[in-house]
Each structure stands twice: as C-alpha cells, then as structure tokens.
Amino acid sequence: MKLSTNWKYGVILVIGMLLISVVLLLMPSLVESRRQAKNMDLAASHLAKLRIVIKNDQSFSGVRVDVLSAYGGCVAVRGEVDSEPILARLKTALQSTTPPVELRFFVELRQSR
C-alpha cells in the first residue's frame, strides 16, 4: 500500500516543527552559558587589580577574591573584617577599580575575642 504524498509532507512538517521547538527550548540556556563564561573570563582578568587593593590595606587581610560561576559569572569577595566602617571602605575601594562584572560580597564582621 502506497502512502499519499500529502501524508508524507505532513510527517516531515511535524518532525521539522519538533526539531525547531527543541532548538528554541535549548537556545536560552546556550546563550546564558556563553554569557556566564564571558563574565567569568572578565572576572578572572580583573582579580589581580582587586588583590592589589586588598594587599595594600592591612585591615583587608582577612578578605580574598575569586571567580564565582553563580549569578551569571561574577567576582566573589569573601572573608572577615573587624568593623562596619572597614567593610564600607572595602566595598568602596574594590568598586573604585571599575570591575567589568558584578562584585558579590560574602564578608562577615569578625567576632570580638
């Protein structure tokens, strides 16, 4: 029994639509992962500047910076400082380096001993 030509074209059309749907569903995650990779590269290239700022102020000695894949790729600032004014100064100093990506602060106040 021979299938009609219209039916064959219908099957091809449905398969084509399914393939296009899959591509459209995957596209946002592909674009996001490219953006994240680019941001992580930008963050990594800026770490040296941030580390110089931290090294030059002894009150920032408990702070470190590294690349974070979360939040679309950014710089994580982690550690401890002695007071709120020092934390504010740290934020201002690091932001003054004009980072190409967001800085995420995970800095806590050191407990009094």
C-alpha atoms as a PDB file:
ATOM      1  CA  MET A   1       0.000   0.000   0.000  1.00  0.00           C
ATOM      2  CA  LYS A   2       1.452   3.379  -1.045  1.00  0.00           C
ATOM      3  CA  LEU A   3       1.252   6.405   1.256  1.00  0.00           C
ATOM      4  CA  SER A   4      -0.084   9.575  -0.274  1.00  0.00           C
ATOM      5  CA  THR A   5       2.367  12.399  -0.892  1.00  0.00           C
ATOM      6  CA  ASN A   6       0.396  14.819   1.320  1.00  0.00           C
ATOM      7  CA  TRP A   7       0.686  12.489   4.289  1.00  0.00           C
ATOM      8  CA  LYS A   8       4.478  12.232   3.828  1.00  0.00           C
ATOM      9  CA  TYR A   9       4.785  16.013   3.730  1.00  0.00           C
ATOM     10  CA  GLY A  10       2.674  16.209   6.889  1.00  0.00           C
ATOM     11  CA  VAL A  11       5.035  13.850   8.737  1.00  0.00           C
ATOM     12  CA  ILE A  12       8.071  15.814   7.544  1.00  0.00           C
ATOM     13  CA  LEU A  13       6.411  19.060   8.664  1.00  0.00           C
ATOM     14  CA  VAL A  14       5.637  17.691  12.144  1.00  0.00           C
ATOM     15  CA  ILE A  15       9.193  16.371  12.581  1.00  0.00           C
ATOM     16  CA  GLY A  16      10.584  19.715  11.430  1.00  0.00           C
ATOM     17  CA  MET A  17       8.391  21.601  13.891  1.00  0.00           C
ATOM     18  CA  LEU A  18       9.517  19.312  16.720  1.00  0.00           C
ATOM     19  CA  LEU A  19      13.181  19.922  15.872  1.00  0.00           C
ATOM     20  CA  ILE A  20      12.657  23.681  15.762  1.00  0.00           C
ATOM     21  CA  SER A  21      10.853  23.530  19.122  1.00  0.00           C
ATOM     22  CA  VAL A  22      13.756  21.645  20.714  1.00  0.00           C
ATOM     23  CA  VAL A  23      16.264  24.178  19.384  1.00  0.00           C
ATOM     24  CA  LEU A  24      14.165  27.100  20.651  1.00  0.00           C
ATOM     25  CA  LEU A  25      13.874  25.481  24.075  1.00  0.00           C
ATOM     26  CA  LEU A  26      17.635  24.952  24.336  1.00  0.00           C
ATOM     27  CA  MET A  27      18.627  28.345  22.940  1.00  0.00           C
ATOM     28  CA  PRO A  28      18.203  30.430  26.138  1.00  0.00           C
ATOM     29  CA  SER A  29      20.410  28.096  28.173  1.00  0.00           C
ATOM     30  CA  LEU A  30      23.064  28.116  25.444  1.00  0.00           C
ATOM     31  CA  VAL A  31      23.057  31.908  25.356  1.00  0.00           C
ATOM     32  CA  GLU A  32      23.165  32.091  29.172  1.00  0.00           C
ATOM     33  CA  SER A  33      26.110  29.701  29.410  1.00  0.00           C
ATOM     34  CA  ARG A  34      28.049  31.767  26.852  1.00  0.00           C
ATOM     35  CA  ARG A  35      27.336  34.948  28.807  1.00  0.00           C
ATOM     36  CA  GLN A  36      28.377  33.249  32.044  1.00  0.00           C
ATOM     37  CA  ALA A  37      31.645  32.012  30.508  1.00  0.00           C
ATOM     38  CA  LYS A  38      32.413  35.502  29.170  1.00  0.00           C
ATOM     39  CA  ASN A  39      31.674  37.091  32.560  1.00  0.00           C
ATOM     40  CA  MET A  40      33.847  34.538  34.344  1.00  0.00           C
ATOM     41  CA  ASP A  41      36.733  35.341  31.969  1.00  0.00           C
ATOM     42  CA  LEU A  42      36.257  39.071  32.628  1.00  0.00           C
ATOM     43  CA  ALA A  43      36.156  38.419  36.371  1.00  0.00           C
ATOM     44  CA  ALA A  44      39.334  36.335  36.263  1.00  0.00           C
ATOM     45  CA  SER A  45      41.180  39.042  34.342  1.00  0.00           C
ATOM     46  CA  HIS A  46      40.225  41.637  36.977  1.00  0.00           C
ATOM     47  CA  LEU A  47      41.258  39.640  40.061  1.00  0.00           C
ATOM     48  CA  ALA A  48      44.840  40.970  40.041  1.00  0.00           C
ATOM     49  CA  LYS A  49      43.636  44.582  40.428  1.00  0.00           C
ATOM     50  CA  LEU A  50      41.342  43.619  43.286  1.00  0.00           C
ATOM     51  CA  ARG A  51      44.082  41.645  45.037  1.00  0.00           C
ATOM     52  CA  ILE A  52      46.422  44.638  44.890  1.00  0.00           C
ATOM     53  CA  VAL A  53      43.803  46.797  46.632  1.00  0.00           C
ATOM     54  CA  ILE A  54      43.323  44.133  49.314  1.00  0.00           C
ATOM     55  CA  LYS A  55      47.073  43.651  49.803  1.00  0.00           C
ATOM     56  CA  ASN A  56      47.695  47.380  50.187  1.00  0.00           C
ATOM     57  CA  ASP A  57      45.390  47.736  53.213  1.00  0.00           C
ATOM     58  CA  GLN A  58      46.213  45.598  56.246  1.00  0.00           C
ATOM     59  CA  SER A  59      42.635  45.871  57.541  1.00  0.00           C
ATOM     60  CA  PHE A  60      41.533  43.824  54.494  1.00  0.00           C
ATOM     61  CA  SER A  61      43.941  40.956  55.283  1.00  0.00           C
ATOM     62  CA  GLY A  62      41.096  38.536  56.040  1.00  0.00           C
ATOM     63  CA  VAL A  63      39.496  39.050  52.624  1.00  0.00           C
ATOM     64  CA  ARG A  64      40.005  37.128  49.390  1.00  0.00           C
ATOM     65  CA  VAL A  65      38.502  37.348  45.915  1.00  0.00           C
ATOM     66  CA  ASP A  66      37.804  34.682  43.341  1.00  0.00           C
ATOM     67  CA  VAL A  67      35.601  33.949  40.351  1.00  0.00           C
ATOM     68  CA  LEU A  68      32.070  32.770  41.063  1.00  0.00           C
ATOM     69  CA  SER A  69      30.021  30.916  38.468  1.00  0.00           C
ATOM     70  CA  ALA A  70      26.730  31.793  40.172  1.00  0.00           C
ATOM     71  CA  TYR A  71      24.810  34.958  39.314  1.00  0.00           C
ATOM     72  CA  GLY A  72      25.847  34.683  35.676  1.00  0.00           C
ATOM     73  CA  GLY A  73      29.566  34.861  36.450  1.00  0.00           C
ATOM     74  CA  CYS A  74      30.926  37.445  38.881  1.00  0.00           C
ATOM     75  CA  VAL A  75      33.622  38.132  41.460  1.00  0.00           C
ATOM     76  CA  ALA A  76      33.073  36.733  44.952  1.00  0.00           C
ATOM     77  CA  VAL A  77      34.531  38.781  47.793  1.00  0.00           C
ATOM     78  CA  ARG A  78      34.791  36.553  50.882  1.00  0.00           C
ATOM     79  CA  GLY A  79      36.222  36.748  54.347  1.00  0.00           C
ATOM     80  CA  GLU A  80      36.099  38.781  57.532  1.00  0.00           C
ATOM     81  CA  VAL A  81      36.782  42.358  58.571  1.00  0.00           C
ATOM     82  CA  ASP A  82      36.833  43.983  62.003  1.00  0.00           C
ATOM     83  CA  SER A  83      34.062  46.572  61.659  1.00  0.00           C
ATOM     84  CA  GLU A  84      31.280  48.069  59.543  1.00  0.00           C
ATOM     85  CA  PRO A  85      33.400  51.112  58.589  1.00  0.00           C
ATOM     86  CA  ILE A  86      36.151  48.799  57.308  1.00  0.00           C
ATOM     87  CA  LEU A  87      33.588  46.818  55.315  1.00  0.00           C
ATOM     88  CA  ALA A  88      32.255  50.043  53.790  1.00  0.00           C
ATOM     89  CA  ARG A  89      35.817  51.121  52.938  1.00  0.00           C
ATOM     90  CA  LEU A  90      36.486  47.701  51.368  1.00  0.00           C
ATOM     91  CA  LYS A  91      33.403  47.961  49.168  1.00  0.00           C
ATOM     92  CA  THR A  92      34.304  51.478  48.066  1.00  0.00           C
ATOM     93  CA  ALA A  93      37.929  50.543  47.345  1.00  0.00           C
ATOM     94  CA  LEU A  94      37.030  47.472  45.289  1.00  0.00           C
ATOM     95  CA  GLN A  95      34.276  49.259  43.357  1.00  0.00           C
ATOM     96  CA  SER A  96      36.745  52.048  42.509  1.00  0.00           C
ATOM     97  CA  THR A  97      38.672  49.555  40.353  1.00  0.00           C
ATOM     98  CA  THR A  98      35.701  49.633  37.941  1.00  0.00           C
ATOM     99  CA  PRO A  99      35.145  45.866  37.795  1.00  0.00           C
ATOM    100  CA  PRO A 100      33.773  44.599  34.458  1.00  0.00           C
ATOM    101  CA  VAL A 101      31.326  42.307  36.278  1.00  0.00           C
ATOM    102  CA  GLU A 102      29.328  42.402  39.475  1.00  0.00           C
ATOM    103  CA  LEU A 103      31.085  42.072  42.828  1.00  0.00           C
ATOM    104  CA  ARG A 104      29.210  39.818  45.275  1.00  0.00           C
ATOM    105  CA  PHE A 105      30.160  40.372  48.903  1.00  0.00           C
ATOM    106  CA  PHE A 106      30.207  37.478  51.359  1.00  0.00           C
ATOM    107  CA  VAL A 107      32.175  39.332  54.018  1.00  0.00           C
ATOM    108  CA  GLU A 108      31.303  38.999  57.682  1.00  0.00           C
ATOM    109  CA  LEU A 109      32.269  41.003  60.721  1.00  0.00           C
ATOM    110  CA  ARG A 110      34.955  39.340  62.825  1.00  0.00           C
ATOM    111  CA  GLN A 111      33.751  38.247  66.246  1.00  0.00           C
ATOM    112  CA  SER A 112      35.334  40.038  69.213  1.00  0.00           C
ATOM    113  CA  ARG A 113      37.671  37.800  71.163  1.00  0.00           C
END
